[in-house]
Amino acid sequence: MVNVLRHATGKVAISLTEDEGNIVLIFKNEADNLCEQDIDRLFDRFYTADQTRTSRRTGLGISIAYNLMLKKNGRLTAELHDGYLEMRCEWKRS
């Protein structure tokens, strides 16, 4: 959630639903500056889509979130749709 607040530009949508016995948390925001190549590397440690690398970002946040989701038997995915980034967190309902 911190990444969405810190890096999103434009509209942000957050939803929490149940889907086929899973709890699903979705963050969706405008991401005109991203391409499919960025999405493919989004969970890589130290990756940042900021090509100028002038900021103080480490590129660890989403990688850490991804690994935490795995350790909690969950799943974190990212997709790009028509200029919007959708990050989807999924857990099995207990």
PDB file of N, CA and C in Angstrom:
ATOM      1  N   MET A   1       0.826  -1.192   0.000  1.00  0.00           N
ATOM      2  CA  MET A   1       0.000   0.000   0.000  1.00  0.00           C
ATOM      3  C   MET A   1       0.866   1.249   0.000  1.00  0.00           C
ATOM      4  N   VAL A   2       2.000   1.195   0.679  1.00  0.00           N
ATOM      5  CA  VAL A   2       2.891   2.353   0.721  1.00  0.00           C
ATOM      6  C   VAL A   2       3.366   2.698  -0.684  1.00  0.00           C
ATOM      7  N   ASN A   3       3.690   1.684  -1.499  1.00  0.00           N
ATOM      8  CA  ASN A   3       4.127   1.947  -2.869  1.00  0.00           C
ATOM      9  C   ASN A   3       3.045   2.664  -3.666  1.00  0.00           C
ATOM     10  N   VAL A   4       1.805   2.255  -3.491  1.00  0.00           N
ATOM     11  CA  VAL A   4       0.706   2.907  -4.208  1.00  0.00           C
ATOM     12  C   VAL A   4       0.632   4.372  -3.801  1.00  0.00           C
ATOM     13  N   LEU A   5       0.669   4.632  -2.507  1.00  0.00           N
ATOM     14  CA  LEU A   5       0.575   6.010  -2.033  1.00  0.00           C
ATOM     15  C   LEU A   5       1.773   6.854  -2.461  1.00  0.00           C
ATOM     16  N   ARG A   6       2.937   6.253  -2.466  1.00  0.00           N
ATOM     17  CA  ARG A   6       4.163   6.981  -2.775  1.00  0.00           C
ATOM     18  C   ARG A   6       4.370   7.190  -4.279  1.00  0.00           C
ATOM     19  N   HIS A   7       4.034   6.208  -5.095  1.00  0.00           N
ATOM     20  CA  HIS A   7       4.425   6.255  -6.495  1.00  0.00           C
ATOM     21  C   HIS A   7       3.281   6.417  -7.493  1.00  0.00           C
ATOM     22  N   ALA A   8       2.052   6.213  -7.064  1.00  0.00           N
ATOM     23  CA  ALA A   8       0.929   6.304  -7.996  1.00  0.00           C
ATOM     24  C   ALA A   8       0.668   7.751  -8.393  1.00  0.00           C
ATOM     25  N   THR A   9       0.295   7.911  -9.641  1.00  0.00           N
ATOM     26  CA  THR A   9      -0.168   9.215 -10.123  1.00  0.00           C
ATOM     27  C   THR A   9      -1.592   9.012 -10.626  1.00  0.00           C
ATOM     28  N   GLY A  10      -2.419   9.983 -10.450  1.00  0.00           N
ATOM     29  CA  GLY A  10      -3.792   9.851 -10.913  1.00  0.00           C
ATOM     30  C   GLY A  10      -4.645   9.033  -9.964  1.00  0.00           C
ATOM     31  N   LYS A  11      -5.659   8.394 -10.516  1.00  0.00           N
ATOM     32  CA  LYS A  11      -6.640   7.663  -9.723  1.00  0.00           C
ATOM     33  C   LYS A  11      -6.067   6.360  -9.173  1.00  0.00           C
ATOM     34  N   VAL A  12      -6.520   6.015  -7.970  1.00  0.00           N
ATOM     35  CA  VAL A  12      -6.154   4.757  -7.313  1.00  0.00           C
ATOM     36  C   VAL A  12      -7.444   4.100  -6.835  1.00  0.00           C
ATOM     37  N   ALA A  13      -7.562   2.803  -7.072  1.00  0.00           N
ATOM     38  CA  ALA A  13      -8.718   2.040  -6.587  1.00  0.00           C
ATOM     39  C   ALA A  13      -8.198   0.872  -5.749  1.00  0.00           C
ATOM     40  N   ILE A  14      -8.832   0.650  -4.605  1.00  0.00           N
ATOM     41  CA  ILE A  14      -8.469  -0.450  -3.711  1.00  0.00           C
ATOM     42  C   ILE A  14      -9.734  -1.233  -3.423  1.00  0.00           C
ATOM     43  N   SER A  15      -9.666  -2.555  -3.596  1.00  0.00           N
ATOM     44  CA  SER A  15     -10.840  -3.379  -3.302  1.00  0.00           C
ATOM     45  C   SER A  15     -10.438  -4.626  -2.540  1.00  0.00           C
ATOM     46  N   LEU A  16     -11.362  -5.119  -1.732  1.00  0.00           N
ATOM     47  CA  LEU A  16     -11.181  -6.342  -0.965  1.00  0.00           C
ATOM     48  C   LEU A  16     -12.417  -7.185  -1.207  1.00  0.00           C
ATOM     49  N   THR A  17     -12.223  -8.380  -1.777  1.00  0.00           N
ATOM     50  CA  THR A  17     -13.345  -9.239  -2.123  1.00  0.00           C
ATOM     51  C   THR A  17     -13.022 -10.696  -1.777  1.00  0.00           C
ATOM     52  N   GLU A  18     -14.021 -11.542  -1.963  1.00  0.00           N
ATOM     53  CA  GLU A  18     -13.837 -12.987  -1.854  1.00  0.00           C
ATOM     54  C   GLU A  18     -14.127 -13.575  -3.229  1.00  0.00           C
ATOM     55  N   ASP A  19     -13.263 -14.476  -3.668  1.00  0.00           N
ATOM     56  CA  ASP A  19     -13.407 -15.081  -4.988  1.00  0.00           C
ATOM     57  C   ASP A  19     -13.039 -16.559  -4.894  1.00  0.00           C
ATOM     58  N   GLU A  20     -14.018 -17.421  -5.073  1.00  0.00           N
ATOM     59  CA  GLU A  20     -13.807 -18.875  -5.056  1.00  0.00           C
ATOM     60  C   GLU A  20     -13.045 -19.332  -3.807  1.00  0.00           C
ATOM     61  N   GLY A  21     -13.443 -18.836  -2.649  1.00  0.00           N
ATOM     62  CA  GLY A  21     -12.821 -19.240  -1.396  1.00  0.00           C
ATOM     63  C   GLY A  21     -11.528 -18.525  -1.069  1.00  0.00           C
ATOM     64  N   ASN A  22     -11.117 -17.590  -1.894  1.00  0.00           N
ATOM     65  CA  ASN A  22      -9.909 -16.796  -1.647  1.00  0.00           C
ATOM     66  C   ASN A  22     -10.282 -15.375  -1.255  1.00  0.00           C
ATOM     67  N   ILE A  23      -9.480 -14.786  -0.387  1.00  0.00           N
ATOM     68  CA  ILE A  23      -9.591 -13.364  -0.079  1.00  0.00           C
ATOM     69  C   ILE A  23      -8.684 -12.641  -1.068  1.00  0.00           C
ATOM     70  N   VAL A  24      -9.200 -11.611  -1.722  1.00  0.00           N
ATOM     71  CA  VAL A  24      -8.458 -10.920  -2.777  1.00  0.00           C
ATOM     72  C   VAL A  24      -8.411  -9.419  -2.481  1.00  0.00           C
ATOM     73  N   LEU A  25      -7.195  -8.897  -2.392  1.00  0.00           N
ATOM     74  CA  LEU A  25      -6.965  -7.468  -2.197  1.00  0.00           C
ATOM     75  C   LEU A  25      -6.341  -6.937  -3.484  1.00  0.00           C
ATOM     76  N   ILE A  26      -6.964  -5.939  -4.087  1.00  0.00           N
ATOM     77  CA  ILE A  26      -6.482  -5.413  -5.363  1.00  0.00           C
ATOM     78  C   ILE A  26      -6.203  -3.918  -5.232  1.00  0.00           C
ATOM     79  N   PHE A  27      -5.005  -3.543  -5.683  1.00  0.00           N
ATOM     80  CA  PHE A  27      -4.621  -2.135  -5.817  1.00  0.00           C
ATOM     81  C   PHE A  27      -4.517  -1.864  -7.307  1.00  0.00           C
ATOM     82  N   LYS A  28      -5.194  -0.838  -7.773  1.00  0.00           N
ATOM     83  CA  LYS A  28      -5.170  -0.505  -9.198  1.00  0.00           C
ATOM     84  C   LYS A  28      -4.918   0.988  -9.336  1.00  0.00           C
ATOM     85  N   ASN A  29      -3.925   1.337 -10.157  1.00  0.00           N
ATOM     86  CA  ASN A  29      -3.632   2.756 -10.357  1.00  0.00           C
ATOM     87  C   ASN A  29      -3.132   3.005 -11.776  1.00  0.00           C
ATOM     88  N   GLU A  30      -3.254   4.263 -12.179  1.00  0.00           N
ATOM     89  CA  GLU A  30      -2.747   4.658 -13.489  1.00  0.00           C
ATOM     90  C   GLU A  30      -1.240   4.446 -13.511  1.00  0.00           C
ATOM     91  N   ALA A  31      -0.747   3.929 -14.630  1.00  0.00           N
ATOM     92  CA  ALA A  31       0.686   3.648 -14.742  1.00  0.00           C
ATOM     93  C   ALA A  31       1.125   3.824 -16.188  1.00  0.00           C
ATOM     94  N   ASP A  32       0.942   5.027 -16.695  1.00  0.00           N
ATOM     95  CA  ASP A  32       1.296   5.312 -18.088  1.00  0.00           C
ATOM     96  C   ASP A  32       2.784   5.159 -18.349  1.00  0.00           C
ATOM     97  N   ASN A  33       3.595   5.234 -17.286  1.00  0.00           N
ATOM     98  CA  ASN A  33       5.048   5.174 -17.449  1.00  0.00           C
ATOM     99  C   ASN A  33       5.589   3.748 -17.459  1.00  0.00           C
ATOM    100  N   LEU A  34       4.734   2.740 -17.263  1.00  0.00           N
ATOM    101  CA  LEU A  34       5.182   1.347 -17.248  1.00  0.00           C
ATOM    102  C   LEU A  34       4.885   0.645 -18.565  1.00  0.00           C
ATOM    103  N   CYS A  35       5.691  -0.381 -18.861  1.00  0.00           N
ATOM    104  CA  CYS A  35       5.451  -1.221 -20.027  1.00  0.00           C
ATOM    105  C   CYS A  35       5.494  -2.682 -19.586  1.00  0.00           C
ATOM    106  N   GLU A  36       5.180  -3.599 -20.471  1.00  0.00           N
ATOM    107  CA  GLU A  36       5.163  -5.025 -20.127  1.00  0.00           C
ATOM    108  C   GLU A  36       6.519  -5.503 -19.619  1.00  0.00           C
ATOM    109  N   GLN A  37       7.596  -4.956 -20.154  1.00  0.00           N
ATOM    110  CA  GLN A  37       8.934  -5.335 -19.700  1.00  0.00           C
ATOM    111  C   GLN A  37       9.115  -4.987 -18.212  1.00  0.00           C
ATOM    112  N   ASP A  38       8.573  -3.854 -17.784  1.00  0.00           N
ATOM    113  CA  ASP A  38       8.635  -3.482 -16.366  1.00  0.00           C
ATOM    114  C   ASP A  38       7.859  -4.485 -15.515  1.00  0.00           C
ATOM    115  N   ILE A  39       6.695  -4.905 -15.980  1.00  0.00           N
ATOM    116  CA  ILE A  39       5.860  -5.841 -15.231  1.00  0.00           C
ATOM    117  C   ILE A  39       6.585  -7.174 -15.076  1.00  0.00           C
ATOM    118  N   ASP A  40       7.266  -7.618 -16.117  1.00  0.00           N
ATOM    119  CA  ASP A  40       8.009  -8.881 -16.068  1.00  0.00           C
ATOM    120  C   ASP A  40       9.105  -8.857 -15.003  1.00  0.00           C
ATOM    121  N   ARG A  41       9.642  -7.695 -14.687  1.00  0.00           N
ATOM    122  CA  ARG A  41      10.743  -7.578 -13.733  1.00  0.00           C
ATOM    123  C   ARG A  41      10.328  -6.964 -12.393  1.00  0.00           C
ATOM    124  N   LEU A  42       9.072  -6.649 -12.242  1.00  0.00           N
ATOM    125  CA  LEU A  42       8.585  -5.900 -11.088  1.00  0.00           C
ATOM    126  C   LEU A  42       8.942  -6.530  -9.741  1.00  0.00           C
ATOM    127  N   PHE A  43       8.968  -7.854  -9.650  1.00  0.00           N
ATOM    128  CA  PHE A  43       9.242  -8.529  -8.388  1.00  0.00           C
ATOM    129  C   PHE A  43      10.719  -8.843  -8.192  1.00  0.00           C
ATOM    130  N   ASP A  44      11.560  -8.476  -9.141  1.00  0.00           N
ATOM    131  CA  ASP A  44      13.011  -8.690  -9.015  1.00  0.00           C
ATOM    132  C   ASP A  44      13.586  -7.737  -7.968  1.00  0.00           C
ATOM    133  N   ARG A  45      14.483  -8.264  -7.139  1.00  0.00           N
ATOM    134  CA  ARG A  45      15.144  -7.416  -6.142  1.00  0.00           C
ATOM    135  C   ARG A  45      15.926  -6.314  -6.842  1.00  0.00           C
ATOM    136  N   PHE A  46      15.862  -5.131  -6.290  1.00  0.00           N
ATOM    137  CA  PHE A  46      16.593  -3.938  -6.729  1.00  0.00           C
ATOM    138  C   PHE A  46      16.098  -3.363  -8.055  1.00  0.00           C
ATOM    139  N   TYR A  47      15.033  -3.923  -8.642  1.00  0.00           N
ATOM    140  CA  TYR A  47      14.528  -3.370  -9.897  1.00  0.00           C
ATOM    141  C   TYR A  47      13.676  -2.156  -9.608  1.00  0.00           C
ATOM    142  N   THR A  48      13.879  -1.127 -10.375  1.00  0.00           N
ATOM    143  CA  THR A  48      13.020   0.048 -10.325  1.00  0.00           C
ATOM    144  C   THR A  48      12.783   0.508 -11.756  1.00  0.00           C
ATOM    145  N   ALA A  49      11.562   0.913 -12.037  1.00  0.00           N
ATOM    146  CA  ALA A  49      11.228   1.362 -13.384  1.00  0.00           C
ATOM    147  C   ALA A  49      11.782   2.745 -13.678  1.00  0.00           C
ATOM    148  N   ASP A  50      12.296   3.420 -12.654  1.00  0.00           N
ATOM    149  CA  ASP A  50      12.893   4.747 -12.812  1.00  0.00           C
ATOM    150  C   ASP A  50      14.246   4.588 -13.510  1.00  0.00           C
ATOM    151  N   GLN A  51      14.279   4.817 -14.785  1.00  0.00           N
ATOM    152  CA  GLN A  51      15.494   4.602 -15.565  1.00  0.00           C
ATOM    153  C   GLN A  51      16.590   5.614 -15.248  1.00  0.00           C
ATOM    154  N   THR A  52      16.224   6.765 -14.695  1.00  0.00           N
ATOM    155  CA  THR A  52      17.244   7.769 -14.385  1.00  0.00           C
ATOM    156  C   THR A  52      17.997   7.434 -13.112  1.00  0.00           C
ATOM    157  N   ARG A  53      17.383   6.616 -12.254  1.00  0.00           N
ATOM    158  CA  ARG A  53      17.999   6.180 -10.996  1.00  0.00           C
ATOM    159  C   ARG A  53      18.478   7.345 -10.132  1.00  0.00           C
ATOM    160  N   THR A  54      17.804   8.477 -10.218  1.00  0.00           N
ATOM    161  CA  THR A  54      18.207   9.635  -9.426  1.00  0.00           C
ATOM    162  C   THR A  54      17.541   9.648  -8.054  1.00  0.00           C
ATOM    163  N   SER A  55      16.534   8.814  -7.873  1.00  0.00           N
ATOM    164  CA  SER A  55      15.855   8.811  -6.582  1.00  0.00           C
ATOM    165  C   SER A  55      16.595   7.908  -5.602  1.00  0.00           C
ATOM    166  N   ARG A  56      16.154   7.926  -4.352  1.00  0.00           N
ATOM    167  CA  ARG A  56      16.802   7.130  -3.312  1.00  0.00           C
ATOM    168  C   ARG A  56      16.106   5.782  -3.127  1.00  0.00           C
ATOM    169  N   ARG A  57      15.302   5.369  -4.067  1.00  0.00           N
ATOM    170  CA  ARG A  57      14.593   4.092  -3.974  1.00  0.00           C
ATOM    171  C   ARG A  57      15.561   2.930  -4.133  1.00  0.00           C
ATOM    172  N   THR A  58      15.290   1.841  -3.401  1.00  0.00           N
ATOM    173  CA  THR A  58      16.159   0.670  -3.478  1.00  0.00           C
ATOM    174  C   THR A  58      15.620  -0.408  -4.410  1.00  0.00           C
ATOM    175  N   GLY A  59      14.321  -0.371  -4.712  1.00  0.00           N
ATOM    176  CA  GLY A  59      13.739  -1.411  -5.538  1.00  0.00           C
ATOM    177  C   GLY A  59      13.483  -2.693  -4.764  1.00  0.00           C
ATOM    178  N   LEU A  60      13.396  -2.600  -3.442  1.00  0.00           N
ATOM    179  CA  LEU A  60      13.189  -3.791  -2.618  1.00  0.00           C
ATOM    180  C   LEU A  60      11.741  -3.987  -2.171  1.00  0.00           C
ATOM    181  N   GLY A  61      10.950  -2.930  -2.111  1.00  0.00           N
ATOM    182  CA  GLY A  61       9.607  -2.994  -1.522  1.00  0.00           C
ATOM    183  C   GLY A  61       8.705  -4.057  -2.104  1.00  0.00           C
ATOM    184  N   ILE A  62       8.534  -4.086  -3.397  1.00  0.00           N
ATOM    185  CA  ILE A  62       7.622  -5.053  -4.010  1.00  0.00           C
ATOM    186  C   ILE A  62       8.207  -6.460  -3.943  1.00  0.00           C
ATOM    187  N   SER A  63       9.528  -6.579  -4.031  1.00  0.00           N
ATOM    188  CA  SER A  63      10.174  -7.879  -3.887  1.00  0.00           C
ATOM    189  C   SER A  63       9.935  -8.453  -2.494  1.00  0.00           C
ATOM    190  N   ILE A  64      10.041  -7.623  -1.470  1.00  0.00           N
ATOM    191  CA  ILE A  64       9.784  -8.058  -0.095  1.00  0.00           C
ATOM    192  C   ILE A  64       8.320  -8.468   0.062  1.00  0.00           C
ATOM    193  N   ALA A  65       7.401  -7.667  -0.455  1.00  0.00           N
ATOM    194  CA  ALA A  65       5.972  -7.988  -0.370  1.00  0.00           C
ATOM    195  C   ALA A  65       5.676  -9.316  -1.069  1.00  0.00           C
ATOM    196  N   TYR A  66       6.289  -9.533  -2.213  1.00  0.00           N
ATOM    197  CA  TYR A  66       6.096 -10.776  -2.970  1.00  0.00           C
ATOM    198  C   TYR A  66       6.541 -11.981  -2.137  1.00  0.00           C
ATOM    199  N   ASN A  67       7.709 -11.888  -1.534  1.00  0.00           N
ATOM    200  CA  ASN A  67       8.236 -12.995  -0.734  1.00  0.00           C
ATOM    201  C   ASN A  67       7.433 -13.215   0.546  1.00  0.00           C
ATOM    202  N   LEU A  68       6.935 -12.157   1.158  1.00  0.00           N
ATOM    203  CA  LEU A  68       6.072 -12.305   2.331  1.00  0.00           C
ATOM    204  C   LEU A  68       4.769 -13.016   1.977  1.00  0.00           C
ATOM    205  N   MET A  69       4.211 -12.678   0.833  1.00  0.00           N
ATOM    206  CA  MET A  69       2.985 -13.339   0.392  1.00  0.00           C
ATOM    207  C   MET A  69       3.235 -14.836   0.212  1.00  0.00           C
ATOM    208  N   LEU A  70       4.356 -15.204  -0.386  1.00  0.00           N
ATOM    209  CA  LEU A  70       4.686 -16.620  -0.568  1.00  0.00           C
ATOM    210  C   LEU A  70       4.817 -17.332   0.777  1.00  0.00           C
ATOM    211  N   LYS A  71       5.463 -16.692   1.734  1.00  0.00           N
ATOM    212  CA  LYS A  71       5.664 -17.297   3.049  1.00  0.00           C
ATOM    213  C   LYS A  71       4.347 -17.472   3.799  1.00  0.00           C
ATOM    214  N   LYS A  72       3.359 -16.663   3.488  1.00  0.00           N
ATOM    215  CA  LYS A  72       2.049 -16.757   4.127  1.00  0.00           C
ATOM    216  C   LYS A  72       1.072 -17.574   3.274  1.00  0.00           C
ATOM    217  N   ASN A  73       1.618 -18.371   2.346  1.00  0.00           N
ATOM    218  CA  ASN A  73       0.817 -19.205   1.441  1.00  0.00           C
ATOM    219  C   ASN A  73      -0.146 -18.386   0.593  1.00  0.00           C
ATOM    220  N   GLY A  74       0.283 -17.198   0.246  1.00  0.00           N
ATOM    221  CA  GLY A  74      -0.508 -16.327  -0.605  1.00  0.00           C
ATOM    222  C   GLY A  74       0.171 -16.145  -1.943  1.00  0.00           C
ATOM    223  N   ARG A  75      -0.330 -15.215  -2.680  1.00  0.00           N
ATOM    224  CA  ARG A  75       0.195 -14.967  -4.018  1.00  0.00           C
ATOM    225  C   ARG A  75       0.050 -13.484  -4.334  1.00  0.00           C
ATOM    226  N   LEU A  76       1.064 -12.907  -4.942  1.00  0.00           N
ATOM    227  CA  LEU A  76       1.035 -11.510  -5.374  1.00  0.00           C
ATOM    228  C   LEU A  76       1.343 -11.489  -6.859  1.00  0.00           C
ATOM    229  N   THR A  77       0.453 -10.904  -7.628  1.00  0.00           N
ATOM    230  CA  THR A  77       0.648 -10.815  -9.070  1.00  0.00           C
ATOM    231  C   THR A  77       0.476  -9.370  -9.523  1.00  0.00           C
ATOM    232  N   ALA A  78       0.998  -9.082 -10.700  1.00  0.00           N
ATOM    233  CA  ALA A  78       0.866  -7.744 -11.282  1.00  0.00           C
ATOM    234  C   ALA A  78       0.527  -7.881 -12.753  1.00  0.00           C
ATOM    235  N   GLU A  79      -0.371  -7.040 -13.208  1.00  0.00           N
ATOM    236  CA  GLU A  79      -0.735  -7.009 -14.624  1.00  0.00           C
ATOM    237  C   GLU A  79      -0.917  -5.559 -15.052  1.00  0.00           C
ATOM    238  N   LEU A  80      -0.680  -5.329 -16.322  1.00  0.00           N
ATOM    239  CA  LEU A  80      -0.866  -4.010 -16.913  1.00  0.00           C
ATOM    240  C   LEU A  80      -2.018  -4.090 -17.902  1.00  0.00           C
ATOM    241  N   HIS A  81      -3.036  -3.246 -17.696  1.00  0.00           N
ATOM    242  CA  HIS A  81      -4.219  -3.227 -18.559  1.00  0.00           C
ATOM    243  C   HIS A  81      -4.535  -1.797 -18.958  1.00  0.00           C
ATOM    244  N   ASP A  82      -4.409  -1.484 -20.217  1.00  0.00           N
ATOM    245  CA  ASP A  82      -4.805  -0.161 -20.735  1.00  0.00           C
ATOM    246  C   ASP A  82      -4.267   0.998 -19.903  1.00  0.00           C
ATOM    247  N   GLY A  83      -2.987   0.940 -19.553  1.00  0.00           N
ATOM    248  CA  GLY A  83      -2.364   2.027 -18.807  1.00  0.00           C
ATOM    249  C   GLY A  83      -2.585   1.982 -17.310  1.00  0.00           C
ATOM    250  N   TYR A  84      -3.172   0.908 -16.802  1.00  0.00           N
ATOM    251  CA  TYR A  84      -3.393   0.733 -15.366  1.00  0.00           C
ATOM    252  C   TYR A  84      -2.616  -0.470 -14.862  1.00  0.00           C
ATOM    253  N   LEU A  85      -1.937  -0.301 -13.726  1.00  0.00           N
ATOM    254  CA  LEU A  85      -1.251  -1.393 -13.050  1.00  0.00           C
ATOM    255  C   LEU A  85      -2.210  -1.978 -12.025  1.00  0.00           C
ATOM    256  N   GLU A  86      -2.363  -3.293 -12.061  1.00  0.00           N
ATOM    257  CA  GLU A  86      -3.197  -3.976 -11.082  1.00  0.00           C
ATOM    258  C   GLU A  86      -2.333  -4.951 -10.301  1.00  0.00           C
ATOM    259  N   MET A  87      -2.207  -4.698  -8.994  1.00  0.00           N
ATOM    260  CA  MET A  87      -1.490  -5.586  -8.083  1.00  0.00           C
ATOM    261  C   MET A  87      -2.548  -6.365  -7.317  1.00  0.00           C
ATOM    262  N   ARG A  88      -2.441  -7.684  -7.365  1.00  0.00           N
ATOM    263  CA  ARG A  88      -3.463  -8.557  -6.775  1.00  0.00           C
ATOM    264  C   ARG A  88      -2.826  -9.459  -5.711  1.00  0.00           C
ATOM    265  N   CYS A  89      -3.295  -9.329  -4.463  1.00  0.00           N
ATOM    266  CA  CYS A  89      -2.857 -10.176  -3.350  1.00  0.00           C
ATOM    267  C   CYS A  89      -3.971 -11.173  -3.081  1.00  0.00           C
ATOM    268  N   GLU A  90      -3.613 -12.459  -3.019  1.00  0.00           N
ATOM    269  CA  GLU A  90      -4.622 -13.508  -2.819  1.00  0.00           C
ATOM    270  C   GLU A  90      -4.205 -14.472  -1.716  1.00  0.00           C
ATOM    271  N   TRP A  91      -5.162 -14.781  -0.817  1.00  0.00           N
ATOM    272  CA  TRP A  91      -4.937 -15.757   0.245  1.00  0.00           C
ATOM    273  C   TRP A  91      -6.112 -16.726   0.262  1.00  0.00           C
ATOM    274  N   LYS A  92      -5.839 -17.968   0.637  1.00  0.00           N
ATOM    275  CA  LYS A  92      -6.910 -18.936   0.858  1.00  0.00           C
ATOM    276  C   LYS A  92      -7.668 -18.527   2.110  1.00  0.00           C
ATOM    277  N   ARG A  93      -8.967 -18.602   2.023  1.00  0.00           N
ATOM    278  CA  ARG A  93      -9.797 -18.288   3.204  1.00  0.00           C
ATOM    279  C   ARG A  93      -9.673 -19.431   4.187  1.00  0.00           C
ATOM    280  N   SER A  94      -9.465 -19.105   5.464  1.00  0.00           N
ATOM    281  CA  SER A  94      -9.298 -20.147   6.500  1.00  0.00           C
ATOM    282  C   SER A  94     -10.621 -20.750   6.883  1.00  0.00           C
TER     283      SER A  94
END
